[in-house]
Amino acid sequence: MAQILAIVGPTLLFFAGVVVDHFRGRIFPMATFEIGQGSGRHSTLEAVRWTVVIGFLVSIAAGLVLIPFGAV
């Protein structure tokens, strides 16, 4: 079981990262107009987006780590 998890876990994390990056690029395009207060708003929203993405990936990783212990 541990060998399967050692192979499947990182593979799932990789594909989850690819999917998240693809949709993040489509939903939140990098090209924005930073005029006046828009630049501050853009940097704040970018920080929020990355916090959500990293929190999602940490949640998936924690779930995969806890599967062998029956905590999920």
C-alpha atoms as a PDB file:
ATOM      1  CA  MET A   1       0.000   0.000   0.000  1.00  0.00           C
ATOM      2  CA  ALA A   2       2.812   2.396   0.863  1.00  0.00           C
ATOM      3  CA  GLN A   3       4.541   1.701  -2.461  1.00  0.00           C
ATOM      4  CA  ILE A   4       1.353   2.431  -4.382  1.00  0.00           C
ATOM      5  CA  LEU A   5       0.824   5.637  -2.415  1.00  0.00           C
ATOM      6  CA  ALA A   6       4.450   6.657  -3.040  1.00  0.00           C
ATOM      7  CA  ILE A   7       3.850   6.429  -6.789  1.00  0.00           C
ATOM      8  CA  VAL A   8       0.228   7.545  -7.080  1.00  0.00           C
ATOM      9  CA  GLY A   9       0.422  10.438  -4.582  1.00  0.00           C
ATOM     10  CA  PRO A  10       3.040  12.558  -6.356  1.00  0.00           C
ATOM     11  CA  THR A  11       1.483  11.731  -9.726  1.00  0.00           C
ATOM     12  CA  LEU A  12      -1.918  12.956  -8.561  1.00  0.00           C
ATOM     13  CA  LEU A  13      -0.346  16.083  -7.085  1.00  0.00           C
ATOM     14  CA  PHE A  14       1.419  16.776 -10.376  1.00  0.00           C
ATOM     15  CA  PHE A  15      -1.758  16.429 -12.424  1.00  0.00           C
ATOM     16  CA  ALA A  16      -3.736  18.466  -9.888  1.00  0.00           C
ATOM     17  CA  GLY A  17      -1.114  21.208 -10.206  1.00  0.00           C
ATOM     18  CA  VAL A  18      -1.324  21.135 -13.998  1.00  0.00           C
ATOM     19  CA  VAL A  19      -5.127  21.351 -13.903  1.00  0.00           C
ATOM     20  CA  VAL A  20      -5.128  24.149 -11.313  1.00  0.00           C
ATOM     21  CA  ASP A  21      -2.522  26.108 -13.270  1.00  0.00           C
ATOM     22  CA  HIS A  22      -4.499  25.694 -16.499  1.00  0.00           C
ATOM     23  CA  PHE A  23      -7.752  26.918 -14.988  1.00  0.00           C
ATOM     24  CA  ARG A  24      -6.026  29.672 -13.002  1.00  0.00           C
ATOM     25  CA  GLY A  25      -4.570  30.978 -16.251  1.00  0.00           C
ATOM     26  CA  ARG A  26      -7.974  30.937 -17.951  1.00  0.00           C
ATOM     27  CA  ILE A  27      -9.941  32.426 -15.049  1.00  0.00           C
ATOM     28  CA  PHE A  28      -7.338  34.943 -13.907  1.00  0.00           C
ATOM     29  CA  PRO A  29      -5.332  36.041 -16.958  1.00  0.00           C
ATOM     30  CA  MET A  30      -1.955  37.627 -16.339  1.00  0.00           C
ATOM     31  CA  ALA A  31      -2.554  40.540 -18.718  1.00  0.00           C
ATOM     32  CA  THR A  32      -4.273  43.284 -16.713  1.00  0.00           C
ATOM     33  CA  PHE A  33      -4.293  47.038 -16.921  1.00  0.00           C
ATOM     34  CA  GLU A  34      -2.608  48.533 -13.877  1.00  0.00           C
ATOM     35  CA  ILE A  35      -3.869  52.098 -13.871  1.00  0.00           C
ATOM     36  CA  GLY A  36      -4.109  54.036 -10.632  1.00  0.00           C
ATOM     37  CA  GLN A  37      -5.581  51.941  -7.820  1.00  0.00           C
ATOM     38  CA  GLY A  38      -5.933  48.929 -10.099  1.00  0.00           C
ATOM     39  CA  SER A  39      -2.331  47.896  -9.446  1.00  0.00           C
ATOM     40  CA  GLY A  40      -2.924  47.615  -5.683  1.00  0.00           C
ATOM     41  CA  ARG A  41      -6.138  45.715  -6.227  1.00  0.00           C
ATOM     42  CA  HIS A  42      -4.385  43.405  -8.683  1.00  0.00           C
ATOM     43  CA  SER A  43      -1.592  42.558  -6.234  1.00  0.00           C
ATOM     44  CA  THR A  44      -4.081  41.881  -3.425  1.00  0.00           C
ATOM     45  CA  LEU A  45      -6.215  39.609  -5.599  1.00  0.00           C
ATOM     46  CA  GLU A  46      -3.121  37.790  -6.843  1.00  0.00           C
ATOM     47  CA  ALA A  47      -2.076  37.091  -3.237  1.00  0.00           C
ATOM     48  CA  VAL A  48      -5.576  35.792  -2.432  1.00  0.00           C
ATOM     49  CA  ARG A  49      -5.571  33.570  -5.510  1.00  0.00           C
ATOM     50  CA  TRP A  50      -2.216  32.017  -4.649  1.00  0.00           C
ATOM     51  CA  THR A  51      -3.309  31.491  -1.044  1.00  0.00           C
ATOM     52  CA  VAL A  52      -6.363  29.580  -2.255  1.00  0.00           C
ATOM     53  CA  VAL A  53      -4.336  27.505  -4.730  1.00  0.00           C
ATOM     54  CA  ILE A  54      -1.635  26.613  -2.202  1.00  0.00           C
ATOM     55  CA  GLY A  55      -4.246  25.839   0.470  1.00  0.00           C
ATOM     56  CA  PHE A  56      -6.035  23.525  -1.974  1.00  0.00           C
ATOM     57  CA  LEU A  57      -2.817  21.663  -2.795  1.00  0.00           C
ATOM     58  CA  VAL A  58      -1.859  21.348   0.878  1.00  0.00           C
ATOM     59  CA  SER A  59      -5.321  19.967   1.620  1.00  0.00           C
ATOM     60  CA  ILE A  60      -4.969  17.320  -1.092  1.00  0.00           C
ATOM     61  CA  ALA A  61      -1.479  16.397   0.085  1.00  0.00           C
ATOM     62  CA  ALA A  62      -2.618  16.102   3.713  1.00  0.00           C
ATOM     63  CA  GLY A  63      -5.495  13.862   2.674  1.00  0.00           C
ATOM     64  CA  LEU A  64      -3.138  11.587   0.742  1.00  0.00           C
ATOM     65  CA  VAL A  65      -0.723  11.393   3.665  1.00  0.00           C
ATOM     66  CA  LEU A  66      -3.493  10.501   6.124  1.00  0.00           C
ATOM     67  CA  ILE A  67      -5.113   7.778   3.991  1.00  0.00           C
ATOM     68  CA  PRO A  68      -2.885   4.955   5.335  1.00  0.00           C
ATOM     69  CA  PHE A  69      -3.791   5.920   8.913  1.00  0.00           C
ATOM     70  CA  GLY A  70      -7.527   5.696   8.263  1.00  0.00           C
ATOM     71  CA  ALA A  71      -8.045   9.301   9.307  1.00  0.00           C
ATOM     72  CA  VAL A  72      -9.907  10.212   6.135  1.00  0.00           C
END
